[in-house]
Amino acid sequence: MVAERSVTTTRSLPPTVYRPASRNTLTQTQFDRSERMRNLRNAFALRKNSAVVGKNLVLLDDVLTTGSTLHECAVVLRKAGAESVRAITVARG
């Protein structure tokens, strides 16, 4: 497969989506999918001055279990104007 667009990487780029300290969540380990989704609803925010409008973004996660974390991060990015949000995971739990 040939990439249609070039990809720019920046090693010092801070995460665009983060979990504010004011929004603590419970550990996900004992939850089923619906409980995980409920636990993470509105748990993430976009950093100030994050330029995501019209961008095609990729999220990286170490382990995909139910996809709840990636889903909630993607929701934040799409609401902020990202064109598309894809995910790459290292392992499936």
C-alpha atoms as a PDB file:
ATOM      1  CA  MET A   1       0.000   0.000   0.000  1.00  0.00           C
ATOM      2  CA  VAL A   2       1.352   3.435  -0.911  1.00  0.00           C
ATOM      3  CA  ALA A   3       0.640   6.378   1.366  1.00  0.00           C
ATOM      4  CA  GLU A   4      -1.086   9.235  -0.423  1.00  0.00           C
ATOM      5  CA  ARG A   5       0.062  11.851   2.063  1.00  0.00           C
ATOM      6  CA  SER A   6       3.317  12.327   3.867  1.00  0.00           C
ATOM      7  CA  VAL A   7       3.420  11.767   7.606  1.00  0.00           C
ATOM      8  CA  THR A   8       5.269  14.167   9.858  1.00  0.00           C
ATOM      9  CA  THR A   9       6.556  12.894  13.172  1.00  0.00           C
ATOM     10  CA  THR A  10       7.655  15.013  16.087  1.00  0.00           C
ATOM     11  CA  ARG A  11       9.237  13.300  19.058  1.00  0.00           C
ATOM     12  CA  SER A  12       8.511  16.117  21.478  1.00  0.00           C
ATOM     13  CA  LEU A  13       4.852  16.524  20.550  1.00  0.00           C
ATOM     14  CA  PRO A  14       2.698  16.477  23.719  1.00  0.00           C
ATOM     15  CA  PRO A  15      -0.519  14.474  23.771  1.00  0.00           C
ATOM     16  CA  THR A  16      -3.439  16.414  22.324  1.00  0.00           C
ATOM     17  CA  VAL A  17      -6.081  14.634  24.397  1.00  0.00           C
ATOM     18  CA  TYR A  18      -5.655  14.279  28.146  1.00  0.00           C
ATOM     19  CA  ARG A  19      -7.615  13.354  31.249  1.00  0.00           C
ATOM     20  CA  PRO A  20      -8.068  16.434  33.463  1.00  0.00           C
ATOM     21  CA  ALA A  21      -7.143  15.952  37.108  1.00  0.00           C
ATOM     22  CA  SER A  22     -10.627  17.129  38.035  1.00  0.00           C
ATOM     23  CA  ARG A  23     -12.162  14.118  36.242  1.00  0.00           C
ATOM     24  CA  ASN A  24     -10.993  11.021  38.098  1.00  0.00           C
ATOM     25  CA  THR A  25     -12.237   7.689  36.793  1.00  0.00           C
ATOM     26  CA  LEU A  26     -12.395   4.253  38.356  1.00  0.00           C
ATOM     27  CA  THR A  27     -10.081   1.470  37.225  1.00  0.00           C
ATOM     28  CA  GLN A  28     -11.440  -0.245  34.124  1.00  0.00           C
ATOM     29  CA  THR A  29     -10.212  -3.757  34.908  1.00  0.00           C
ATOM     30  CA  GLN A  30     -13.418  -5.150  36.432  1.00  0.00           C
ATOM     31  CA  PHE A  31     -15.909  -3.406  34.103  1.00  0.00           C
ATOM     32  CA  ASP A  32     -17.733  -4.807  31.099  1.00  0.00           C
ATOM     33  CA  ARG A  33     -17.991  -2.757  27.898  1.00  0.00           C
ATOM     34  CA  SER A  34     -21.058  -0.709  28.890  1.00  0.00           C
ATOM     35  CA  GLU A  35     -19.600   0.079  32.324  1.00  0.00           C
ATOM     36  CA  ARG A  36     -16.294   1.132  30.737  1.00  0.00           C
ATOM     37  CA  MET A  37     -18.086   3.435  28.313  1.00  0.00           C
ATOM     38  CA  ARG A  38     -20.072   5.014  31.158  1.00  0.00           C
ATOM     39  CA  ASN A  39     -16.944   5.374  33.334  1.00  0.00           C
ATOM     40  CA  LEU A  40     -15.029   7.218  30.585  1.00  0.00           C
ATOM     41  CA  ARG A  41     -17.840   9.427  29.309  1.00  0.00           C
ATOM     42  CA  ASN A  42     -16.565  13.035  29.305  1.00  0.00           C
ATOM     43  CA  ALA A  43     -13.311  11.912  30.927  1.00  0.00           C
ATOM     44  CA  PHE A  44     -11.034  13.459  28.289  1.00  0.00           C
ATOM     45  CA  ALA A  45     -10.414  16.999  27.097  1.00  0.00           C
ATOM     46  CA  LEU A  46      -8.520  18.690  24.304  1.00  0.00           C
ATOM     47  CA  ARG A  47      -5.391  20.658  25.223  1.00  0.00           C
ATOM     48  CA  LYS A  48      -5.543  24.399  24.578  1.00  0.00           C
ATOM     49  CA  ASN A  49      -4.200  25.481  21.187  1.00  0.00           C
ATOM     50  CA  SER A  50      -4.445  21.970  19.751  1.00  0.00           C
ATOM     51  CA  ALA A  51      -4.827  22.372  16.013  1.00  0.00           C
ATOM     52  CA  VAL A  52      -6.955  19.384  15.022  1.00  0.00           C
ATOM     53  CA  VAL A  53      -9.484  20.976  12.648  1.00  0.00           C
ATOM     54  CA  GLY A  54      -9.402  19.184   9.313  1.00  0.00           C
ATOM     55  CA  LYS A  55      -6.615  16.815  10.397  1.00  0.00           C
ATOM     56  CA  ASN A  56      -6.448  13.060   9.899  1.00  0.00           C
ATOM     57  CA  LEU A  57      -5.248  11.765  13.266  1.00  0.00           C
ATOM     58  CA  VAL A  58      -3.949   8.486  14.648  1.00  0.00           C
ATOM     59  CA  LEU A  59      -4.353   7.367  18.269  1.00  0.00           C
ATOM     60  CA  LEU A  60      -1.884   4.888  19.737  1.00  0.00           C
ATOM     61  CA  ASP A  61      -2.925   2.582  22.579  1.00  0.00           C
ATOM     62  CA  ASP A  62      -0.921  -0.211  24.179  1.00  0.00           C
ATOM     63  CA  VAL A  63      -3.774  -2.678  24.738  1.00  0.00           C
ATOM     64  CA  LEU A  64      -7.222  -2.726  23.151  1.00  0.00           C
ATOM     65  CA  THR A  65      -9.770  -4.400  25.398  1.00  0.00           C
ATOM     66  CA  THR A  66     -13.193  -2.940  24.639  1.00  0.00           C
ATOM     67  CA  GLY A  67     -12.098   0.175  22.746  1.00  0.00           C
ATOM     68  CA  SER A  68     -13.725   2.497  25.287  1.00  0.00           C
ATOM     69  CA  THR A  69     -10.683   4.710  25.822  1.00  0.00           C
ATOM     70  CA  LEU A  70      -9.989   5.077  22.106  1.00  0.00           C
ATOM     71  CA  HIS A  71     -13.656   5.759  21.433  1.00  0.00           C
ATOM     72  CA  GLU A  72     -13.890   8.552  24.007  1.00  0.00           C
ATOM     73  CA  CYS A  73     -10.648  10.159  22.788  1.00  0.00           C
ATOM     74  CA  ALA A  74     -11.919   9.993  19.204  1.00  0.00           C
ATOM     75  CA  VAL A  75     -15.186  11.658  20.254  1.00  0.00           C
ATOM     76  CA  VAL A  76     -13.244  14.604  21.726  1.00  0.00           C
ATOM     77  CA  LEU A  77     -11.115  14.956  18.593  1.00  0.00           C
ATOM     78  CA  ARG A  78     -14.055  14.710  16.180  1.00  0.00           C
ATOM     79  CA  LYS A  79     -16.060  17.278  18.177  1.00  0.00           C
ATOM     80  CA  ALA A  80     -13.050  19.600  17.911  1.00  0.00           C
ATOM     81  CA  GLY A  81     -13.093  19.274  14.124  1.00  0.00           C
ATOM     82  CA  ALA A  82     -10.732  16.428  13.244  1.00  0.00           C
ATOM     83  CA  GLU A  83     -11.449  15.085   9.763  1.00  0.00           C
ATOM     84  CA  SER A  84     -10.801  11.471  10.782  1.00  0.00           C
ATOM     85  CA  VAL A  85      -9.455   9.560  13.750  1.00  0.00           C
ATOM     86  CA  ARG A  86      -7.846   6.123  13.364  1.00  0.00           C
ATOM     87  CA  ALA A  87      -6.310   3.870  16.013  1.00  0.00           C
ATOM     88  CA  ILE A  88      -3.267   1.654  16.282  1.00  0.00           C
ATOM     89  CA  THR A  89      -2.937  -0.810  19.136  1.00  0.00           C
ATOM     90  CA  VAL A  90      -0.060  -3.057  20.114  1.00  0.00           C
ATOM     91  CA  ALA A  91      -2.051  -5.885  21.710  1.00  0.00           C
ATOM     92  CA  ARG A  92      -5.611  -7.072  22.207  1.00  0.00           C
ATOM     93  CA  GLY A  93      -6.650  -7.824  25.774  1.00  0.00           C
END
